[in-house]
Amino acid sequence: MGKNTCDGCGRRISVAGGVPNLWTFGDRDGSEGTAMTLELEDGSEHLLCYPCIEALPDEPTAADVERLEQDGETSQLRVL
């Protein structure tokens, strides 16, 4: 399992993968959550935590990812 930070909000995340994480549903390593790498239609690729993924609009762009910020346990898009 790799560890990194979310490209959106900067929270510490763990990237699930491989046999060690196959049946892991909770937070065992002290990170604040898990994440996925998303490739957006504009060609950009971002490692995002699940709260940031949920905060994105239906057709996100790299500009939307730049606007993400942590809001407690969730994430939100900053108002420009």
PDB file of N, CA and C in Angstrom:
ATOM      1  N   MET A   1       0.849  -1.169   0.000  1.00  0.00           N
ATOM      2  CA  MET A   1       0.000   0.000   0.000  1.00  0.00           C
ATOM      3  C   MET A   1       0.892   1.228   0.000  1.00  0.00           C
ATOM      4  N   GLY A   2       0.696   2.108  -0.961  1.00  0.00           N
ATOM      5  CA  GLY A   2       1.447   3.335  -1.009  1.00  0.00           C
ATOM      6  C   GLY A   2       0.770   4.418  -0.189  1.00  0.00           C
ATOM      7  N   LYS A   3       1.546   5.362   0.304  1.00  0.00           N
ATOM      8  CA  LYS A   3       0.994   6.474   1.069  1.00  0.00           C
ATOM      9  C   LYS A   3       1.349   7.760   0.362  1.00  0.00           C
ATOM     10  N   ASN A   4       0.425   8.724   0.398  1.00  0.00           N
ATOM     11  CA  ASN A   4       0.640   9.978  -0.288  1.00  0.00           C
ATOM     12  C   ASN A   4      -0.318  11.006   0.274  1.00  0.00           C
ATOM     13  N   THR A   5      -0.453  12.108  -0.420  1.00  0.00           N
ATOM     14  CA  THR A   5      -1.449  13.108  -0.052  1.00  0.00           C
ATOM     15  C   THR A   5      -2.383  13.335  -1.227  1.00  0.00           C
ATOM     16  N   CYS A   6      -3.581  13.756  -0.920  1.00  0.00           N
ATOM     17  CA  CYS A   6      -4.592  14.029  -1.931  1.00  0.00           C
ATOM     18  C   CYS A   6      -4.177  15.242  -2.754  1.00  0.00           C
ATOM     19  N   ASP A   7      -4.297  15.143  -4.076  1.00  0.00           N
ATOM     20  CA  ASP A   7      -3.984  16.267  -4.957  1.00  0.00           C
ATOM     21  C   ASP A   7      -4.970  17.421  -4.781  1.00  0.00           C
ATOM     22  N   GLY A   8      -6.151  17.116  -4.237  1.00  0.00           N
ATOM     23  CA  GLY A   8      -7.156  18.155  -4.065  1.00  0.00           C
ATOM     24  C   GLY A   8      -7.009  18.926  -2.771  1.00  0.00           C
ATOM     25  N   CYS A   9      -7.160  18.243  -1.643  1.00  0.00           N
ATOM     26  CA  CYS A   9      -7.203  18.919  -0.344  1.00  0.00           C
ATOM     27  C   CYS A   9      -5.923  18.772   0.464  1.00  0.00           C
ATOM     28  N   GLY A  10      -5.046  17.863   0.080  1.00  0.00           N
ATOM     29  CA  GLY A  10      -3.787  17.679   0.787  1.00  0.00           C
ATOM     30  C   GLY A  10      -3.841  16.741   1.974  1.00  0.00           C
ATOM     31  N   ARG A  11      -5.033  16.147   2.269  1.00  0.00           N
ATOM     32  CA  ARG A  11      -5.087  15.246   3.427  1.00  0.00           C
ATOM     33  C   ARG A  11      -4.269  13.998   3.139  1.00  0.00           C
ATOM     34  N   ARG A  12      -3.726  13.422   4.191  1.00  0.00           N
ATOM     35  CA  ARG A  12      -2.915  12.216   4.075  1.00  0.00           C
ATOM     36  C   ARG A  12      -3.828  11.055   3.708  1.00  0.00           C
ATOM     37  N   ILE A  13      -3.413  10.273   2.737  1.00  0.00           N
ATOM     38  CA  ILE A  13      -4.234   9.174   2.243  1.00  0.00           C
ATOM     39  C   ILE A  13      -3.397   7.925   2.067  1.00  0.00           C
ATOM     40  N   SER A  14      -4.063   6.808   1.927  1.00  0.00           N
ATOM     41  CA  SER A  14      -3.399   5.566   1.569  1.00  0.00           C
ATOM     42  C   SER A  14      -4.027   5.067   0.288  1.00  0.00           C
ATOM     43  N   VAL A  15      -3.196   4.532  -0.569  1.00  0.00           N
ATOM     44  CA  VAL A  15      -3.670   4.016  -1.843  1.00  0.00           C
ATOM     45  C   VAL A  15      -3.794   2.517  -1.708  1.00  0.00           C
ATOM     46  N   ALA A  16      -5.014   2.040  -1.795  1.00  0.00           N
ATOM     47  CA  ALA A  16      -5.267   0.610  -1.623  1.00  0.00           C
ATOM     48  C   ALA A  16      -4.754  -0.167  -2.820  1.00  0.00           C
ATOM     49  N   GLY A  17      -4.346  -1.391  -2.538  1.00  0.00           N
ATOM     50  CA  GLY A  17      -3.916  -2.253  -3.623  1.00  0.00           C
ATOM     51  C   GLY A  17      -3.167  -3.450  -3.095  1.00  0.00           C
ATOM     52  N   GLY A  18      -3.263  -4.530  -3.790  1.00  0.00           N
ATOM     53  CA  GLY A  18      -2.538  -5.730  -3.427  1.00  0.00           C
ATOM     54  C   GLY A  18      -3.225  -6.551  -2.355  1.00  0.00           C
ATOM     55  N   VAL A  19      -2.628  -7.668  -2.052  1.00  0.00           N
ATOM     56  CA  VAL A  19      -3.187  -8.624  -1.106  1.00  0.00           C
ATOM     57  C   VAL A  19      -3.320  -8.056   0.309  1.00  0.00           C
ATOM     58  N   PRO A  20      -2.371  -7.249   0.828  1.00  0.00           N
ATOM     59  CA  PRO A  20      -2.511  -6.770   2.202  1.00  0.00           C
ATOM     60  C   PRO A  20      -3.795  -5.981   2.447  1.00  0.00           C
ATOM     61  N   ASN A  21      -4.349  -5.350   1.448  1.00  0.00           N
ATOM     62  CA  ASN A  21      -5.541  -4.517   1.615  1.00  0.00           C
ATOM     63  C   ASN A  21      -6.817  -5.207   1.166  1.00  0.00           C
ATOM     64  N   LEU A  22      -6.724  -6.419   0.720  1.00  0.00           N
ATOM     65  CA  LEU A  22      -7.871  -7.067   0.107  1.00  0.00           C
ATOM     66  C   LEU A  22      -9.100  -7.065   1.000  1.00  0.00           C
ATOM     67  N   TRP A  23      -8.938  -7.318   2.288  1.00  0.00           N
ATOM     68  CA  TRP A  23     -10.085  -7.382   3.193  1.00  0.00           C
ATOM     69  C   TRP A  23     -10.062  -6.284   4.235  1.00  0.00           C
ATOM     70  N   THR A  24      -9.320  -5.206   3.978  1.00  0.00           N
ATOM     71  CA  THR A  24      -9.233  -4.101   4.921  1.00  0.00           C
ATOM     72  C   THR A  24     -10.289  -3.062   4.597  1.00  0.00           C
ATOM     73  N   PHE A  25     -11.164  -2.813   5.558  1.00  0.00           N
ATOM     74  CA  PHE A  25     -12.212  -1.821   5.351  1.00  0.00           C
ATOM     75  C   PHE A  25     -12.026  -0.608   6.252  1.00  0.00           C
ATOM     76  N   GLY A  26     -11.245  -0.714   7.297  1.00  0.00           N
ATOM     77  CA  GLY A  26     -11.051   0.391   8.229  1.00  0.00           C
ATOM     78  C   GLY A  26      -9.717   1.059   8.036  1.00  0.00           C
ATOM     79  N   ASP A  27      -9.454   2.023   8.904  1.00  0.00           N
ATOM     80  CA  ASP A  27      -8.214   2.780   8.849  1.00  0.00           C
ATOM     81  C   ASP A  27      -7.235   2.166   9.840  1.00  0.00           C
ATOM     82  N   ARG A  28      -6.254   1.436   9.335  1.00  0.00           N
ATOM     83  CA  ARG A  28      -5.318   0.758  10.219  1.00  0.00           C
ATOM     84  C   ARG A  28      -3.989   1.459  10.330  1.00  0.00           C
ATOM     85  N   ASP A  29      -3.642   2.331   9.396  1.00  0.00           N
ATOM     86  CA  ASP A  29      -2.287   2.861   9.379  1.00  0.00           C
ATOM     87  C   ASP A  29      -2.191   4.327   9.780  1.00  0.00           C
ATOM     88  N   GLY A  30      -3.252   4.922  10.290  1.00  0.00           N
ATOM     89  CA  GLY A  30      -3.189   6.300  10.745  1.00  0.00           C
ATOM     90  C   GLY A  30      -3.456   7.320   9.661  1.00  0.00           C
ATOM     91  N   SER A  31      -3.624   6.901   8.418  1.00  0.00           N
ATOM     92  CA  SER A  31      -3.945   7.862   7.370  1.00  0.00           C
ATOM     93  C   SER A  31      -5.399   8.272   7.509  1.00  0.00           C
ATOM     94  N   GLU A  32      -5.759   9.369   6.857  1.00  0.00           N
ATOM     95  CA  GLU A  32      -7.103   9.893   6.990  1.00  0.00           C
ATOM     96  C   GLU A  32      -8.076   9.305   5.987  1.00  0.00           C
ATOM     97  N   GLY A  33      -7.641   8.414   5.131  1.00  0.00           N
ATOM     98  CA  GLY A  33      -8.554   7.800   4.188  1.00  0.00           C
ATOM     99  C   GLY A  33      -7.849   7.166   3.020  1.00  0.00           C
ATOM    100  N   THR A  34      -8.639   6.601   2.132  1.00  0.00           N
ATOM    101  CA  THR A  34      -8.097   5.975   0.943  1.00  0.00           C
ATOM    102  C   THR A  34      -8.396   6.852  -0.263  1.00  0.00           C
ATOM    103  N   ALA A  35      -7.822   6.510  -1.387  1.00  0.00           N
ATOM    104  CA  ALA A  35      -7.929   7.367  -2.562  1.00  0.00           C
ATOM    105  C   ALA A  35      -7.923   6.557  -3.847  1.00  0.00           C
ATOM    106  N   MET A  36      -8.238   7.257  -4.923  1.00  0.00           N
ATOM    107  CA  MET A  36      -8.178   6.679  -6.268  1.00  0.00           C
ATOM    108  C   MET A  36      -7.527   7.691  -7.196  1.00  0.00           C
ATOM    109  N   THR A  37      -6.868   7.204  -8.223  1.00  0.00           N
ATOM    110  CA  THR A  37      -6.346   8.086  -9.258  1.00  0.00           C
ATOM    111  C   THR A  37      -7.408   8.204 -10.338  1.00  0.00           C
ATOM    112  N   LEU A  38      -7.779   9.436 -10.647  1.00  0.00           N
ATOM    113  CA  LEU A  38      -8.768   9.697 -11.687  1.00  0.00           C
ATOM    114  C   LEU A  38      -8.095  10.347 -12.884  1.00  0.00           C
ATOM    115  N   GLU A  39      -8.428   9.865 -14.066  1.00  0.00           N
ATOM    116  CA  GLU A  39      -7.990  10.517 -15.301  1.00  0.00           C
ATOM    117  C   GLU A  39      -9.202  11.270 -15.828  1.00  0.00           C
ATOM    118  N   LEU A  40      -9.095  12.593 -15.888  1.00  0.00           N
ATOM    119  CA  LEU A  40     -10.210  13.430 -16.304  1.00  0.00           C
ATOM    120  C   LEU A  40     -10.244  13.584 -17.815  1.00  0.00           C
ATOM    121  N   GLU A  41     -11.382  14.008 -18.334  1.00  0.00           N
ATOM    122  CA  GLU A  41     -11.542  14.155 -19.782  1.00  0.00           C
ATOM    123  C   GLU A  41     -10.581  15.167 -20.386  1.00  0.00           C
ATOM    124  N   ASP A  42     -10.091  16.127 -19.582  1.00  0.00           N
ATOM    125  CA  ASP A  42      -9.146  17.115 -20.112  1.00  0.00           C
ATOM    126  C   ASP A  42      -7.722  16.554 -20.203  1.00  0.00           C
ATOM    127  N   GLY A  43      -7.556  15.259 -19.867  1.00  0.00           N
ATOM    128  CA  GLY A  43      -6.258  14.602 -19.977  1.00  0.00           C
ATOM    129  C   GLY A  43      -5.434  14.644 -18.705  1.00  0.00           C
ATOM    130  N   SER A  44      -5.883  15.365 -17.694  1.00  0.00           N
ATOM    131  CA  SER A  44      -5.130  15.441 -16.442  1.00  0.00           C
ATOM    132  C   SER A  44      -5.431  14.220 -15.583  1.00  0.00           C
ATOM    133  N   GLU A  45      -4.489  13.886 -14.705  1.00  0.00           N
ATOM    134  CA  GLU A  45      -4.620  12.730 -13.826  1.00  0.00           C
ATOM    135  C   GLU A  45      -4.356  13.184 -12.401  1.00  0.00           C
ATOM    136  N   HIS A  46      -5.212  12.780 -11.456  1.00  0.00           N
ATOM    137  CA  HIS A  46      -5.121  13.266 -10.081  1.00  0.00           C
ATOM    138  C   HIS A  46      -5.388  12.146  -9.092  1.00  0.00           C
ATOM    139  N   LEU A  47      -4.592  12.101  -8.026  1.00  0.00           N
ATOM    140  CA  LEU A  47      -4.806  11.191  -6.920  1.00  0.00           C
ATOM    141  C   LEU A  47      -5.697  11.923  -5.921  1.00  0.00           C
ATOM    142  N   LEU A  48      -6.928  11.448  -5.744  1.00  0.00           N
ATOM    143  CA  LEU A  48      -7.904  12.154  -4.913  1.00  0.00           C
ATOM    144  C   LEU A  48      -8.499  11.240  -3.846  1.00  0.00           C
ATOM    145  N   CYS A  49      -8.707  11.810  -2.653  1.00  0.00           N
ATOM    146  CA  CYS A  49      -9.387  11.082  -1.584  1.00  0.00           C
ATOM    147  C   CYS A  49     -10.875  11.025  -1.917  1.00  0.00           C
ATOM    148  N   TYR A  50     -11.585  10.111  -1.270  1.00  0.00           N
ATOM    149  CA  TYR A  50     -13.006   9.944  -1.559  1.00  0.00           C
ATOM    150  C   TYR A  50     -13.839  11.190  -1.246  1.00  0.00           C
ATOM    151  N   PRO A  51     -13.575  11.937  -0.152  1.00  0.00           N
ATOM    152  CA  PRO A  51     -14.338  13.172   0.059  1.00  0.00           C
ATOM    153  C   PRO A  51     -14.171  14.170  -1.089  1.00  0.00           C
ATOM    154  N   CYS A  52     -12.966  14.257  -1.660  1.00  0.00           N
ATOM    155  CA  CYS A  52     -12.751  15.171  -2.796  1.00  0.00           C
ATOM    156  C   CYS A  52     -13.468  14.669  -4.046  1.00  0.00           C
ATOM    157  N   ILE A  53     -13.446  13.359  -4.264  1.00  0.00           N
ATOM    158  CA  ILE A  53     -14.146  12.798  -5.418  1.00  0.00           C
ATOM    159  C   ILE A  53     -15.628  13.127  -5.328  1.00  0.00           C
ATOM    160  N   GLU A  54     -16.192  13.003  -4.124  1.00  0.00           N
ATOM    161  CA  GLU A  54     -17.613  13.299  -3.930  1.00  0.00           C
ATOM    162  C   GLU A  54     -17.932  14.773  -4.140  1.00  0.00           C
ATOM    163  N   ALA A  55     -16.964  15.663  -3.899  1.00  0.00           N
ATOM    164  CA  ALA A  55     -17.198  17.100  -4.032  1.00  0.00           C
ATOM    165  C   ALA A  55     -17.095  17.593  -5.475  1.00  0.00           C
ATOM    166  N   LEU A  56     -16.510  16.785  -6.358  1.00  0.00           N
ATOM    167  CA  LEU A  56     -16.325  17.220  -7.750  1.00  0.00           C
ATOM    168  C   LEU A  56     -17.655  17.274  -8.499  1.00  0.00           C
ATOM    169  N   PRO A  57     -17.757  18.184  -9.474  1.00  0.00           N
ATOM    170  CA  PRO A  57     -18.957  18.208 -10.319  1.00  0.00           C
ATOM    171  C   PRO A  57     -18.982  16.991 -11.248  1.00  0.00           C
ATOM    172  N   ASP A  58     -20.063  16.841 -11.998  1.00  0.00           N
ATOM    173  CA  ASP A  58     -20.232  15.675 -12.866  1.00  0.00           C
ATOM    174  C   ASP A  58     -19.144  15.531 -13.926  1.00  0.00           C
ATOM    175  N   GLU A  59     -18.701  16.599 -14.526  1.00  0.00           N
ATOM    176  CA  GLU A  59     -17.649  16.550 -15.547  1.00  0.00           C
ATOM    177  C   GLU A  59     -16.488  17.427 -15.099  1.00  0.00           C
ATOM    178  N   PRO A  60     -15.670  16.938 -14.157  1.00  0.00           N
ATOM    179  CA  PRO A  60     -14.625  17.774 -13.568  1.00  0.00           C
ATOM    180  C   PRO A  60     -13.465  18.045 -14.517  1.00  0.00           C
ATOM    181  N   THR A  61     -12.768  19.133 -14.230  1.00  0.00           N
ATOM    182  CA  THR A  61     -11.555  19.513 -14.956  1.00  0.00           C
ATOM    183  C   THR A  61     -10.436  19.706 -13.937  1.00  0.00           C
ATOM    184  N   ALA A  62      -9.224  19.924 -14.426  1.00  0.00           N
ATOM    185  CA  ALA A  62      -8.094  20.179 -13.536  1.00  0.00           C
ATOM    186  C   ALA A  62      -8.349  21.434 -12.696  1.00  0.00           C
ATOM    187  N   ALA A  63      -9.051  22.418 -13.244  1.00  0.00           N
ATOM    188  CA  ALA A  63      -9.372  23.636 -12.495  1.00  0.00           C
ATOM    189  C   ALA A  63     -10.258  23.320 -11.286  1.00  0.00           C
ATOM    190  N   ASP A  64     -11.173  22.363 -11.426  1.00  0.00           N
ATOM    191  CA  ASP A  64     -12.012  21.960 -10.301  1.00  0.00           C
ATOM    192  C   ASP A  64     -11.171  21.303  -9.208  1.00  0.00           C
ATOM    193  N   VAL A  65     -10.202  20.499  -9.590  1.00  0.00           N
ATOM    194  CA  VAL A  65      -9.328  19.842  -8.617  1.00  0.00           C
ATOM    195  C   VAL A  65      -8.531  20.891  -7.841  1.00  0.00           C
ATOM    196  N   GLU A  66      -8.071  21.938  -8.519  1.00  0.00           N
ATOM    197  CA  GLU A  66      -7.326  23.008  -7.861  1.00  0.00           C
ATOM    198  C   GLU A  66      -8.178  23.757  -6.842  1.00  0.00           C
ATOM    199  N   ARG A  67      -9.478  23.769  -7.026  1.00  0.00           N
ATOM    200  CA  ARG A  67     -10.381  24.473  -6.117  1.00  0.00           C
ATOM    201  C   ARG A  67     -10.789  23.651  -4.901  1.00  0.00           C
ATOM    202  N   LEU A  68     -10.433  22.372  -4.846  1.00  0.00           N
ATOM    203  CA  LEU A  68     -10.821  21.514  -3.724  1.00  0.00           C
ATOM    204  C   LEU A  68     -10.100  21.921  -2.453  1.00  0.00           C
ATOM    205  N   GLU A  69     -10.808  21.833  -1.333  1.00  0.00           N
ATOM    206  CA  GLU A  69     -10.199  22.079  -0.035  1.00  0.00           C
ATOM    207  C   GLU A  69     -10.877  21.202   1.008  1.00  0.00           C
ATOM    208  N   GLN A  70     -10.142  20.919   2.064  1.00  0.00           N
ATOM    209  CA  GLN A  70     -10.663  20.083   3.150  1.00  0.00           C
ATOM    210  C   GLN A  70     -11.599  20.916   4.008  1.00  0.00           C
ATOM    211  N   ASP A  71     -12.735  20.334   4.348  1.00  0.00           N
ATOM    212  CA  ASP A  71     -13.738  20.985   5.190  1.00  0.00           C
ATOM    213  C   ASP A  71     -14.101  20.005   6.300  1.00  0.00           C
ATOM    214  N   GLY A  72     -13.256  19.902   7.308  1.00  0.00           N
ATOM    215  CA  GLY A  72     -13.468  18.905   8.358  1.00  0.00           C
ATOM    216  C   GLY A  72     -13.251  17.514   7.801  1.00  0.00           C
ATOM    217  N   GLU A  73     -14.260  16.656   7.916  1.00  0.00           N
ATOM    218  CA  GLU A  73     -14.157  15.292   7.404  1.00  0.00           C
ATOM    219  C   GLU A  73     -14.527  15.203   5.933  1.00  0.00           C
ATOM    220  N   THR A  74     -15.076  16.268   5.367  1.00  0.00           N
ATOM    221  CA  THR A  74     -15.477  16.270   3.965  1.00  0.00           C
ATOM    222  C   THR A  74     -14.568  17.206   3.178  1.00  0.00           C
ATOM    223  N   SER A  75     -14.879  17.379   1.925  1.00  0.00           N
ATOM    224  CA  SER A  75     -14.170  18.333   1.071  1.00  0.00           C
ATOM    225  C   SER A  75     -15.209  19.175   0.348  1.00  0.00           C
ATOM    226  N   GLN A  76     -14.753  20.321  -0.127  1.00  0.00           N
ATOM    227  CA  GLN A  76     -15.652  21.203  -0.877  1.00  0.00           C
ATOM    228  C   GLN A  76     -14.851  21.958  -1.925  1.00  0.00           C
ATOM    229  N   LEU A  77     -15.562  22.552  -2.888  1.00  0.00           N
ATOM    230  CA  LEU A  77     -14.931  23.397  -3.874  1.00  0.00           C
ATOM    231  C   LEU A  77     -14.888  24.815  -3.328  1.00  0.00           C
ATOM    232  N   ARG A  78     -13.703  25.460  -3.370  1.00  0.00           N
ATOM    233  CA  ARG A  78     -13.584  26.851  -2.953  1.00  0.00           C
ATOM    234  C   ARG A  78     -14.348  27.731  -3.908  1.00  0.00           C
ATOM    235  N   VAL A  79     -14.957  28.762  -3.389  1.00  0.00           N
ATOM    236  CA  VAL A  79     -15.652  29.745  -4.207  1.00  0.00           C
ATOM    237  C   VAL A  79     -14.611  30.746  -4.693  1.00  0.00           C
ATOM    238  N   LEU A  80     -14.575  30.974  -5.987  1.00  0.00           N
ATOM    239  CA  LEU A  80     -13.598  31.911  -6.551  1.00  0.00           C
ATOM    240  C   LEU A  80     -14.084  33.329  -6.496  1.00  0.00           C
TER     241      LEU A  80
END
